[in-house]
Amino acid sequence: MSEPVHEEHVHDGPVGGEPIEVPAFLGMTEQQSRILVALYNETDPEFAKQMPTALPIAAQQLAAEYEKRNSVGKKLERANIQWSDEFKLFDACQHEAVEKLSTTDMNIDKAAADLQLEEDQESSIHDLILGSLLYGGIRREPSGPNDRASMSPVASPNFEGAKRLLERAFEKGYTMAAVQIGSIYMQEEKIAGGANMKNGENAKLSSFNWYKKAADASNPMACHKIGFFLENGIGIEKDIKQAIQYYEKAFEQGYPDSAHNLGLIYQGFTQDTSAFRNIQKAIEYFERAKQWGFSASCNALGRMYLLMSKNADLAKEAGNPGSEPEDYIVTGIELMEDAANNGDADAMMMLGLIFGSKDYGLYDMDKAQNYMELALVRGDLEAYNYLVRILRAKMAARAALEKENLDNFEKLSQADQEKLIRQLAKDASPENALHRQCANMTCDKKEEVPNTFKRCGRCQRVAYCSRECQKEHWKTGHKVVCKSPEEK
C-alpha cells in the first residue's frame, strides 16, 4: 500500500500496485497531475488509473455540450431571420472549405477551381466567402519555434486577397463578412500583438471599425461586439453610455450576451459602472438572459441572491424579492446549481467554495469535492488547489478515525463511516481553510491568524503570505485563470 500523503510530501509511486507514469492532463503540470492521481489512489485506485485518459474525454464532452448550447446560431434564433441565414451560410462555407481541402490533398487552387472570384465576374456571396476561407487559411512559414505571429490570419501571404473577397461580399449586403474581418484583426491582436499590421495600423481599431460597419447595419452579433469594445476601451476610448446603446440594440434582437453585460453594468459593482447602478434593472436583464439559456446570467443571479442574504440594503435596492435571508440562500444556490448543470465553470467553482465553508450553513465536503472536480474538468485550474486540500482533509479524517478506534470504526455501516469522516474533515477544515494556505504552490506557509493573508485583489479566490509569492504564482499560471466576478 502506498504511503499516506501529507502536506509536505506527495507520493508519486505505484497506482493500484502497478507502477505507471502520469502524464500531464486537464492543463495541469505533470507534478500537479501526479499529486492528484496519488491522492485519488488512496481511496479509489481503479479510478486513479483511469484519470489521465477519462477526465480529458469528459472535458471534451462537456466543452462540446457547452459550445452547442452557446453557439452563435443559438444566440441568433430570436433575431431577424436575415442574421441567422447569414451565419448559417458562413458556417456551411467553413465546413465546405474543410471538405474541399481534404478531397484535393490541401491544394487550394484545385479546391477553388469552380469558384467565380475575379473582380469582373458576378461572384455569388457563397463563392466569395468560400474563397476567402480557402485562400486566407494558409499561413506563412514560421521563422522559429517562438514565432507566434506567423499563426495570425493577417500573416497569411494571401491575406489582402482574402480580405478583398470579404469586402466584396460586404458590398453585396452580407454583414457577416465585416464581422469576419473584425474577428481576423482581433486574432491578430491576441496572437501577434499587431506585429503583422502594415503602415502603423492598429489591429484593435481596425477590428472596431469593421465590427461597426456590421453594427450600423443592425447585425446583433456586431452590435454586441461594439458594445464590448466601448465598455472596455478596446481600440477606442471607453464609453459606458454608448456601450449600453449598442448592447440594447443587440438585446432587442434577443442576443443573450448583451443582456448579461447590461446586467453587469447595472449592478454597478465597478468604478466605471457605479454611476449606472440599478439593481432591479440588473436582475431584469439577468433574468431575460437566463430565459434565453445563458448560464453565466443564471450564475450571476445566484451570486446576487447570496449577497442579498447578507446585505439588507442590497435586497432593498432589488425590491426585496425574498422575505428571509434563508429564502435568498435557497434561491441563490438553486440558480447557481442550474448554471453549473449547464456547464458554467465559475458556478461550479463557487459552489465548491460554498459547500467547503460554513458561510451559508451548507457545509458538505462531498459536494465541495464534486463541484471542484467538475470545475477542474471544465478548465478552471484554480479548482486544483482546493480539490487537493479537500482530498487531503478527507484522508486525514479517515486516518485519524482508523487510528483512534479502528475496531469500532470497521463495525460501522458504510453510511456511518462516511458521516464520521465528513465530520472529522469538517473539524480539520474550518470555514476559512480554503484560504488559509498560501496559494503559491512552492510555498508551505499557513496563516497563524485567520484572514491575515492578502487575497488576490482581482478574483478574490486565492490568498498569499507575501507580495513575492503573489508575483510568482501570477507568473506560473494564475494570470491565465484570474478573472474578477464582473469578467465571468
Protein backbone atom coordinates (compact mmCIF):
# COMPACT_ATOMS: atom_id res chain seq x y z
CA MET A 1 0.00 0.00 0.00
CA SER A 2 1.31 3.46 -0.85
CA GLU A 3 2.39 5.82 1.90
CA PRO A 4 -0.03 8.43 3.23
CA VAL A 5 0.01 11.80 1.54
CA HIS A 6 0.97 14.72 3.76
CA GLU A 7 1.08 18.45 3.11
CA GLU A 8 4.85 18.42 2.68
CA HIS A 9 5.15 15.19 0.70
CA VAL A 10 3.24 13.66 -2.17
CA HIS A 11 3.54 10.02 -3.12
CA ASP A 12 4.29 9.66 -6.83
CA GLY A 13 4.72 5.91 -6.84
CA PRO A 14 2.60 2.97 -7.99
CA VAL A 15 -1.09 3.42 -8.64
CA GLY A 16 -3.16 0.39 -7.71
CA GLY A 17 0.06 -1.58 -7.19
CA GLU A 18 1.24 -1.05 -10.77
CA PRO A 19 3.98 1.49 -11.48
CA ILE A 20 2.74 3.89 -14.14
CA GLU A 21 3.74 7.24 -15.48
CA VAL A 22 1.26 10.05 -15.05
CA PRO A 23 1.18 12.43 -18.00
CA ALA A 24 0.01 15.99 -17.61
CA PHE A 25 -3.72 16.32 -18.23
CA LEU A 26 -6.51 18.93 -18.00
CA GLY A 27 -3.97 21.71 -18.41
CA MET A 28 -2.16 20.82 -15.18
CA THR A 29 1.58 20.36 -14.90
CA GLU A 30 3.00 16.84 -14.64
CA GLN A 31 3.65 17.38 -10.93
CA GLN A 32 0.09 18.52 -10.30
CA SER A 33 -1.24 15.57 -12.28
CA ARG A 34 0.87 13.11 -10.25
CA ILE A 35 -0.28 14.66 -6.97
CA LEU A 36 -3.94 14.41 -7.92
CA VAL A 37 -3.66 10.81 -9.11
CA ALA A 38 -1.77 9.87 -5.94
CA LEU A 39 -4.48 11.38 -3.75
CA TYR A 40 -7.29 9.55 -5.55
CA ASN A 41 -5.23 6.36 -5.41
CA GLU A 42 -5.67 6.33 -1.63
CA THR A 43 -9.45 5.93 -1.91
CA ASP A 44 -10.18 4.68 -5.44
CA PRO A 45 -7.17 3.07 -7.16
CA GLU A 46 -9.14 1.96 -10.23
CA PHE A 47 -10.43 5.46 -10.89
CA ALA A 48 -6.96 6.86 -10.24
CA LYS A 49 -5.55 4.75 -13.08
CA GLN A 50 -8.25 6.00 -15.46
CA MET A 51 -8.00 9.69 -14.60
CA PRO A 52 -5.35 10.81 -17.14
CA THR A 53 -7.48 9.50 -20.03
CA ALA A 54 -11.04 9.55 -18.68
CA LEU A 55 -11.08 13.14 -17.43
CA PRO A 56 -9.82 14.75 -20.68
CA ILE A 57 -12.51 12.82 -22.57
CA ALA A 58 -15.12 14.08 -20.11
CA ALA A 59 -13.72 17.60 -20.53
CA GLN A 60 -14.12 17.38 -24.31
CA GLN A 61 -17.69 16.15 -23.97
CA LEU A 62 -18.66 18.88 -21.50
CA ALA A 63 -17.00 21.54 -23.64
CA ALA A 64 -18.80 20.30 -26.75
CA GLU A 65 -22.16 20.37 -24.94
CA TYR A 66 -21.47 23.87 -23.63
CA GLU A 67 -20.44 25.14 -27.07
CA LYS A 68 -23.57 23.65 -28.61
CA ARG A 69 -25.79 25.42 -26.07
CA ASN A 70 -23.91 28.69 -26.58
CA SER A 71 -23.30 28.64 -30.32
CA VAL A 72 -23.78 31.81 -32.36
CA GLY A 73 -26.55 30.06 -34.25
CA LYS A 74 -28.48 29.51 -31.00
CA LYS A 75 -27.93 33.12 -29.94
CA LEU A 76 -29.36 34.40 -33.21
CA GLU A 77 -32.53 32.30 -33.05
CA ARG A 78 -34.59 35.22 -31.73
CA ALA A 79 -33.17 37.80 -34.15
CA ASN A 80 -34.30 38.78 -37.64
CA ILE A 81 -34.00 35.71 -39.87
CA GLN A 82 -31.51 37.61 -42.06
CA TRP A 83 -28.82 37.35 -39.39
CA SER A 84 -29.49 33.68 -38.76
CA ASP A 85 -29.35 32.96 -42.50
CA GLU A 86 -26.09 34.89 -42.83
CA PHE A 87 -24.48 32.87 -40.05
CA LYS A 88 -25.76 29.58 -41.49
CA LEU A 89 -24.18 30.43 -44.84
CA PHE A 90 -20.85 31.26 -43.20
CA ASP A 91 -20.94 28.08 -41.12
CA ALA A 92 -21.75 25.99 -44.21
CA CYS A 93 -18.85 27.58 -46.10
CA GLN A 94 -16.46 26.72 -43.27
CA HIS A 95 -17.47 23.06 -43.46
CA GLU A 96 -17.31 23.10 -47.26
CA ALA A 97 -13.79 24.56 -47.17
CA VAL A 98 -12.59 21.72 -44.94
CA GLU A 99 -14.21 19.14 -47.20
CA LYS A 100 -12.78 20.63 -50.40
CA LEU A 101 -9.27 20.77 -48.99
CA SER A 102 -9.47 17.18 -47.75
CA THR A 103 -10.53 15.91 -51.20
CA THR A 104 -7.86 17.87 -53.10
CA ASP A 105 -4.84 16.97 -50.95
CA MET A 106 -4.82 20.52 -49.49
CA ASN A 107 -4.38 22.05 -52.96
CA ILE A 108 -6.11 25.42 -52.64
CA ASP A 109 -6.19 26.19 -56.36
CA LYS A 110 -7.90 22.87 -57.09
CA ALA A 111 -10.32 23.38 -54.19
CA ALA A 112 -11.28 26.81 -55.55
CA ALA A 113 -11.28 25.82 -59.23
CA ASP A 114 -15.07 26.04 -59.66
CA LEU A 115 -15.48 29.36 -57.82
CA GLN A 116 -16.04 32.68 -59.56
CA LEU A 117 -13.73 35.06 -57.75
CA GLU A 118 -12.43 37.55 -60.31
CA GLU A 119 -13.31 41.23 -59.88
CA ASP A 120 -15.02 41.35 -63.29
CA GLN A 121 -17.16 38.29 -62.54
CA GLU A 122 -20.62 38.35 -60.97
CA SER A 123 -19.48 36.39 -57.93
CA SER A 124 -22.00 34.93 -55.50
CA ILE A 125 -21.68 35.61 -51.79
CA HIS A 126 -21.15 31.88 -51.33
CA ASP A 127 -18.15 31.87 -53.69
CA LEU A 128 -16.63 34.98 -52.13
CA ILE A 129 -16.88 33.63 -48.57
CA LEU A 130 -15.65 30.17 -49.50
CA GLY A 131 -12.77 31.65 -51.50
CA SER A 132 -11.74 33.87 -48.59
CA LEU A 133 -11.68 30.88 -46.26
CA LEU A 134 -9.67 28.73 -48.68
CA TYR A 135 -7.03 31.31 -49.55
CA GLY A 136 -6.96 33.07 -46.17
CA GLY A 137 -6.38 29.82 -44.32
CA ILE A 138 -2.79 29.43 -45.45
CA ARG A 139 -0.08 30.75 -43.09
CA ARG A 140 3.48 31.89 -43.71
CA GLU A 141 6.33 29.69 -42.59
CA PRO A 142 7.40 30.49 -39.02
CA SER A 143 10.88 31.93 -38.58
CA GLY A 144 11.42 29.81 -35.48
CA PRO A 145 9.67 27.86 -32.70
CA ASN A 146 8.68 31.08 -30.90
CA ASP A 147 7.25 32.82 -33.96
CA ARG A 148 3.62 33.00 -32.80
CA ALA A 149 2.97 35.94 -35.11
CA SER A 150 3.12 33.57 -38.09
CA MET A 151 -0.07 31.88 -36.83
CA SER A 152 -2.15 35.03 -37.22
CA PRO A 153 -4.53 35.15 -40.21
CA VAL A 154 -3.06 38.58 -41.04
CA ALA A 155 0.29 36.82 -41.55
CA SER A 156 -1.15 34.81 -44.43
CA PRO A 157 0.59 35.60 -47.76
CA ASN A 158 -2.94 35.67 -49.18
CA PHE A 159 -4.40 37.96 -46.51
CA GLU A 160 -5.03 41.00 -48.70
CA GLY A 161 -6.68 38.91 -51.40
CA ALA A 162 -8.83 37.00 -48.91
CA LYS A 163 -9.82 40.26 -47.22
CA ARG A 164 -10.81 41.74 -50.58
CA LEU A 165 -13.16 38.81 -51.19
CA LEU A 166 -14.82 39.52 -47.84
CA GLU A 167 -15.07 43.22 -48.66
CA ARG A 168 -16.86 42.37 -51.90
CA ALA A 169 -19.29 40.14 -50.00
CA PHE A 170 -19.99 43.00 -47.59
CA GLU A 171 -20.60 45.35 -50.51
CA LYS A 172 -23.31 42.91 -51.59
CA GLY A 173 -25.04 43.39 -48.22
CA TYR A 174 -23.56 40.37 -46.41
CA THR A 175 -22.75 41.80 -42.95
CA MET A 176 -21.09 38.63 -41.62
CA ALA A 177 -18.19 39.45 -43.94
CA ALA A 178 -17.49 42.61 -41.92
CA VAL A 179 -17.82 40.61 -38.70
CA GLN A 180 -15.28 38.13 -40.06
CA ILE A 181 -12.78 40.87 -40.93
CA GLY A 182 -13.22 42.35 -37.46
CA SER A 183 -12.60 38.91 -35.97
CA ILE A 184 -9.45 38.45 -38.07
CA TYR A 185 -7.98 41.70 -36.75
CA MET A 186 -8.76 40.70 -33.16
CA GLN A 187 -7.00 37.37 -33.72
CA GLU A 188 -4.02 39.37 -34.97
CA GLU A 189 -4.05 41.41 -31.77
CA LYS A 190 -4.34 38.37 -29.49
CA ILE A 191 -1.83 36.18 -31.32
CA ALA A 192 0.73 38.68 -32.61
CA GLY A 193 0.03 41.93 -30.74
CA GLY A 194 -0.38 43.70 -34.08
CA ALA A 195 3.08 42.70 -35.34
CA ASN A 196 1.76 41.88 -38.83
CA MET A 197 -0.08 45.18 -39.31
CA LYS A 198 1.23 47.49 -42.01
CA ASN A 199 1.66 51.26 -42.24
CA GLY A 200 1.29 51.72 -38.49
CA GLU A 201 -2.29 50.45 -38.45
CA ASN A 202 -3.79 49.43 -35.10
CA ALA A 203 -5.32 45.92 -35.07
CA LYS A 204 -7.83 46.76 -32.32
CA LEU A 205 -9.01 49.93 -34.04
CA SER A 206 -9.26 48.13 -37.38
CA SER A 207 -11.33 45.43 -35.71
CA PHE A 208 -13.60 48.04 -34.12
CA ASN A 209 -14.14 49.80 -37.45
CA TRP A 210 -15.13 46.62 -39.26
CA TYR A 211 -17.43 45.45 -36.48
CA LYS A 212 -19.04 48.89 -36.56
CA LYS A 213 -19.80 48.56 -40.27
CA ALA A 214 -21.87 45.46 -39.48
CA ALA A 215 -23.35 47.01 -36.33
CA ASP A 216 -24.50 50.04 -38.32
CA ALA A 217 -26.44 47.55 -40.45
CA SER A 218 -28.03 46.23 -37.19
CA ASN A 219 -26.25 42.87 -37.09
CA PRO A 220 -26.82 41.86 -33.40
CA MET A 221 -23.56 39.97 -33.10
CA ALA A 222 -21.65 43.06 -34.29
CA CYS A 223 -23.71 45.35 -32.03
CA HIS A 224 -22.64 43.24 -29.06
CA LYS A 225 -19.01 43.40 -30.14
CA ILE A 226 -19.10 47.19 -30.43
CA GLY A 227 -20.76 47.42 -27.02
CA PHE A 228 -17.97 45.29 -25.56
CA PHE A 229 -15.24 47.38 -27.21
CA LEU A 230 -16.79 50.60 -25.92
CA GLU A 231 -17.35 49.22 -22.42
CA ASN A 232 -13.74 48.10 -22.13
CA GLY A 233 -11.98 50.75 -24.21
CA ILE A 234 -10.64 48.32 -26.81
CA GLY A 235 -9.19 50.26 -29.72
CA ILE A 236 -11.26 53.28 -28.79
CA GLU A 237 -11.94 55.49 -25.78
CA LYS A 238 -14.08 53.86 -23.11
CA ASP A 239 -17.71 54.99 -23.21
CA ILE A 240 -20.13 53.06 -21.00
CA LYS A 241 -23.14 55.12 -22.02
CA GLN A 242 -22.59 54.42 -25.71
CA ALA A 243 -21.80 50.78 -24.91
CA ILE A 244 -25.24 50.47 -23.32
CA GLN A 245 -26.84 51.77 -26.52
CA TYR A 246 -25.19 49.11 -28.65
CA TYR A 247 -25.90 46.37 -26.11
CA GLU A 248 -29.54 47.47 -26.16
CA LYS A 249 -29.65 47.10 -29.96
CA ALA A 250 -28.39 43.52 -29.67
CA PHE A 251 -30.64 42.81 -26.68
CA GLU A 252 -33.71 43.91 -28.63
CA GLN A 253 -32.92 41.12 -31.08
CA GLY A 254 -32.59 38.52 -28.32
CA TYR A 255 -28.81 38.35 -28.07
CA PRO A 256 -28.16 36.86 -24.58
CA ASP A 257 -24.56 38.04 -24.17
CA SER A 258 -25.74 41.65 -24.37
CA ALA A 259 -28.50 41.07 -21.81
CA HIS A 260 -25.86 39.61 -19.48
CA ASN A 261 -23.44 42.50 -19.96
CA LEU A 262 -26.23 45.02 -19.39
CA GLY A 263 -26.94 43.20 -16.12
CA LEU A 264 -23.30 43.54 -15.11
CA ILE A 265 -23.26 47.25 -15.93
CA TYR A 266 -26.43 47.95 -13.96
CA GLN A 267 -25.07 46.05 -10.97
CA GLY A 268 -22.67 48.98 -10.68
CA PHE A 269 -20.08 46.90 -8.85
CA THR A 270 -17.08 48.56 -10.56
CA GLN A 271 -15.82 52.11 -10.55
CA ASP A 272 -16.64 52.51 -14.25
CA THR A 273 -20.23 51.28 -13.87
CA SER A 274 -21.14 52.68 -10.44
CA ALA A 275 -22.87 55.71 -11.99
CA PHE A 276 -25.29 53.37 -13.80
CA ARG A 277 -26.19 51.27 -10.75
CA ASN A 278 -29.78 49.99 -10.85
CA ILE A 279 -30.11 46.63 -9.13
CA GLN A 280 -33.67 45.98 -10.27
CA LYS A 281 -32.65 46.57 -13.88
CA ALA A 282 -29.66 44.29 -13.43
CA ILE A 283 -31.90 41.48 -12.20
CA GLU A 284 -34.31 42.02 -15.09
CA TYR A 285 -31.53 41.69 -17.66
CA PHE A 286 -30.03 38.64 -15.94
CA GLU A 287 -33.47 37.04 -15.80
CA ARG A 288 -34.02 37.59 -19.52
CA ALA A 289 -30.60 36.17 -20.42
CA LYS A 290 -31.33 33.20 -18.14
CA GLN A 291 -34.59 32.60 -20.00
CA TRP A 292 -32.55 32.57 -23.20
CA GLY A 293 -30.34 29.81 -21.80
CA PHE A 294 -27.30 31.91 -20.84
CA SER A 295 -25.81 30.07 -17.86
CA ALA A 296 -23.47 32.91 -16.85
CA SER A 297 -26.52 35.07 -16.08
CA CYS A 298 -28.04 32.26 -14.04
CA ASN A 299 -24.81 32.18 -12.04
CA ALA A 300 -24.77 35.98 -11.69
CA LEU A 301 -28.33 35.92 -10.37
CA GLY A 302 -27.40 33.23 -7.87
CA ARG A 303 -24.47 35.29 -6.65
CA MET A 304 -26.73 38.32 -6.22
CA TYR A 305 -29.26 36.36 -4.15
CA LEU A 306 -26.49 35.09 -1.89
CA LEU A 307 -25.24 38.66 -1.46
CA MET A 308 -28.77 39.78 -0.60
CA SER A 309 -28.96 37.14 2.14
CA LYS A 310 -26.23 39.08 3.96
CA ASN A 311 -26.89 42.59 2.73
CA ALA A 312 -30.31 44.01 3.57
CA ASP A 313 -29.55 47.27 1.74
CA LEU A 314 -28.85 45.38 -1.48
CA ALA A 315 -32.06 43.38 -1.04
CA LYS A 316 -33.93 46.66 -0.58
CA GLU A 317 -32.39 48.03 -3.79
CA ALA A 318 -33.59 44.89 -5.56
CA GLY A 319 -37.14 45.43 -4.32
CA ASN A 320 -36.93 42.76 -1.59
CA PRO A 321 -37.64 39.76 -3.87
CA GLY A 322 -37.40 37.44 -0.84
CA SER A 323 -38.77 37.58 2.69
CA GLU A 324 -35.99 35.97 4.79
CA PRO A 325 -32.21 35.53 4.39
CA GLU A 326 -32.78 31.78 4.13
CA ASP A 327 -35.03 32.35 1.10
CA TYR A 328 -32.27 34.21 -0.68
CA ILE A 329 -29.78 31.44 0.09
CA VAL A 330 -32.08 28.70 -1.23
CA THR A 331 -32.84 30.66 -4.40
CA GLY A 332 -29.20 31.59 -4.90
CA ILE A 333 -27.95 28.03 -4.58
CA GLU A 334 -30.69 26.74 -6.90
CA LEU A 335 -29.72 29.29 -9.54
CA MET A 336 -26.01 28.51 -9.26
CA GLU A 337 -26.68 24.77 -9.42
CA ASP A 338 -28.75 25.37 -12.55
CA ALA A 339 -25.83 27.31 -14.04
CA ALA A 340 -23.38 24.54 -13.08
CA ASN A 341 -25.64 21.90 -14.63
CA ASN A 342 -25.45 23.90 -17.85
CA GLY A 343 -21.67 23.93 -17.87
CA ASP A 344 -20.76 27.22 -16.18
CA ALA A 345 -17.31 26.63 -14.68
CA ASP A 346 -17.44 29.65 -12.38
CA ALA A 347 -20.70 28.40 -10.84
CA MET A 348 -19.07 25.01 -10.24
CA MET A 349 -16.08 26.67 -8.59
CA MET A 350 -18.17 28.93 -6.38
CA LEU A 351 -20.43 26.07 -5.29
CA GLY A 352 -17.33 24.10 -4.36
CA LEU A 353 -16.18 27.00 -2.21
CA ILE A 354 -19.62 27.45 -0.65
CA PHE A 355 -20.07 23.78 0.26
CA GLY A 356 -16.48 23.72 1.53
CA SER A 357 -17.16 26.52 4.03
CA LYS A 358 -19.64 27.39 6.78
CA ASP A 359 -20.57 30.76 5.29
CA TYR A 360 -24.13 29.84 4.37
CA GLY A 361 -24.67 26.87 6.70
CA LEU A 362 -24.32 24.41 3.81
CA TYR A 363 -21.09 22.63 4.68
CA ASP A 364 -20.83 19.38 2.69
CA MET A 365 -17.35 18.04 1.93
CA ASP A 366 -18.62 15.57 -0.68
CA LYS A 367 -20.47 18.24 -2.63
CA ALA A 368 -17.48 20.55 -2.38
CA GLN A 369 -15.31 17.81 -3.89
CA ASN A 370 -17.80 17.05 -6.66
CA TYR A 371 -18.08 20.67 -7.74
CA MET A 372 -14.32 21.22 -7.62
CA GLU A 373 -13.87 18.13 -9.80
CA LEU A 374 -16.38 19.49 -12.31
CA ALA A 375 -14.75 22.92 -12.30
CA LEU A 376 -11.35 21.35 -12.97
CA VAL A 377 -12.75 19.26 -15.81
CA ARG A 378 -14.33 22.40 -17.26
CA GLY A 379 -10.91 24.06 -17.32
CA ASP A 380 -10.77 26.15 -14.14
CA LEU A 381 -7.25 25.34 -12.93
CA GLU A 382 -7.77 27.21 -9.65
CA ALA A 383 -10.00 24.29 -8.63
CA TYR A 384 -6.90 22.09 -8.44
CA ASN A 385 -5.57 23.73 -5.25
CA TYR A 386 -8.91 23.47 -3.47
CA LEU A 387 -9.53 19.91 -4.63
CA VAL A 388 -6.14 18.80 -3.31
CA ARG A 389 -6.90 20.34 0.09
CA ILE A 390 -10.33 18.71 0.24
CA LEU A 391 -8.88 15.29 -0.58
CA ARG A 392 -6.11 15.71 1.98
CA ALA A 393 -8.61 16.75 4.66
CA LYS A 394 -10.68 13.65 3.93
CA MET A 395 -7.63 11.40 4.06
CA ALA A 396 -6.52 12.92 7.35
CA ALA A 397 -10.01 12.40 8.77
CA ARG A 398 -10.11 8.75 7.73
CA ALA A 399 -6.60 8.11 9.06
CA ALA A 400 -7.44 9.73 12.42
CA LEU A 401 -10.61 7.71 12.82
CA GLU A 402 -8.95 4.44 11.96
CA LYS A 403 -6.03 5.13 14.29
CA GLU A 404 -8.22 6.25 17.18
CA ASN A 405 -10.69 3.40 17.17
CA LEU A 406 -10.10 1.02 14.31
CA ASP A 407 -12.23 -1.86 15.64
CA ASN A 408 -15.32 0.25 16.28
CA PHE A 409 -14.85 2.14 13.01
CA GLU A 410 -14.83 -1.05 10.95
CA LYS A 411 -18.04 -2.24 12.65
CA LEU A 412 -19.92 0.85 11.48
CA SER A 413 -22.07 0.83 8.37
CA GLN A 414 -20.63 2.45 5.26
CA ALA A 415 -23.02 5.38 5.67
CA ASP A 416 -21.97 5.97 9.29
CA GLN A 417 -18.29 5.67 8.35
CA GLU A 418 -18.71 8.37 5.72
CA LYS A 419 -20.66 10.52 8.17
CA LEU A 420 -17.85 10.36 10.73
CA ILE A 421 -15.25 11.06 8.05
CA ARG A 422 -17.13 14.12 6.89
CA GLN A 423 -17.47 15.39 10.45
CA LEU A 424 -13.77 14.99 11.22
CA ALA A 425 -12.85 16.51 7.89
CA LYS A 426 -15.08 19.43 8.77
CA ASP A 427 -13.27 19.88 12.07
CA ALA A 428 -9.93 19.67 10.28
CA SER A 429 -11.03 22.16 7.64
CA PRO A 430 -12.68 25.21 9.25
CA GLU A 431 -14.66 27.68 7.25
CA ASN A 432 -11.65 29.65 6.08
CA ALA A 433 -9.42 26.61 5.36
CA LEU A 434 -9.64 27.12 1.61
CA HIS A 435 -7.88 30.44 2.04
CA ARG A 436 -5.50 29.61 4.93
CA GLN A 437 -2.58 28.29 2.90
CA CYS A 438 -0.54 30.48 0.58
CA ALA A 439 -1.76 29.86 -2.99
CA ASN A 440 1.79 29.79 -4.35
CA MET A 441 2.38 26.07 -4.89
CA THR A 442 6.06 26.34 -3.91
CA CYS A 443 5.18 27.88 -0.53
CA ASP A 444 4.03 25.86 2.51
CA LYS A 445 3.17 28.80 4.78
CA LYS A 446 -0.20 28.94 6.51
CA GLU A 447 -1.97 31.73 8.33
CA GLU A 448 -1.28 31.86 12.04
CA VAL A 449 -4.20 34.24 12.50
CA PRO A 450 -7.28 33.70 10.29
CA ASN A 451 -7.73 36.08 7.35
CA THR A 452 -4.31 37.73 7.67
CA PHE A 453 -3.12 36.63 4.21
CA LYS A 454 -3.99 39.08 1.45
CA ARG A 455 -6.39 37.82 -1.20
CA CYS A 456 -5.90 38.44 -4.91
CA GLY A 457 -7.49 41.83 -5.48
CA ARG A 458 -8.97 40.75 -8.80
CA CYS A 459 -10.55 37.30 -8.38
CA GLN A 460 -10.70 37.20 -4.53
CA ARG A 461 -10.30 33.41 -4.71
CA VAL A 462 -6.71 32.92 -3.58
CA ALA A 463 -4.56 34.38 -0.81
CA TYR A 464 -0.84 34.93 -0.35
CA CYS A 465 1.59 35.23 2.53
CA SER A 466 3.67 37.84 0.70
CA ARG A 467 3.88 40.03 -2.37
CA GLU A 468 6.71 37.83 -3.67
CA CYS A 469 4.52 34.71 -3.59
CA GLN A 470 1.73 36.55 -5.37
CA LYS A 471 4.12 37.61 -8.15
CA GLU A 472 5.50 34.07 -8.54
CA HIS A 473 2.02 32.49 -8.65
CA TRP A 474 0.95 35.07 -11.24
CA LYS A 475 3.89 34.22 -13.49
CA THR A 476 3.43 30.45 -13.12
CA GLY A 477 -0.18 30.30 -14.21
CA HIS A 478 -2.60 32.33 -12.09
CA LYS A 479 -2.73 35.12 -14.69
CA VAL A 480 -4.31 32.67 -17.14
CA VAL A 481 -7.31 31.93 -14.93
CA CYS A 482 -7.60 35.09 -12.81
CA LYS A 483 -10.83 36.93 -13.51
CA SER A 484 -12.92 39.33 -11.50
CA PRO A 485 -16.60 38.35 -10.92
CA GLU A 486 -17.61 41.00 -13.44
CA GLU A 487 -15.48 39.34 -16.15
CA LYS A 488 -17.07 35.90 -15.84
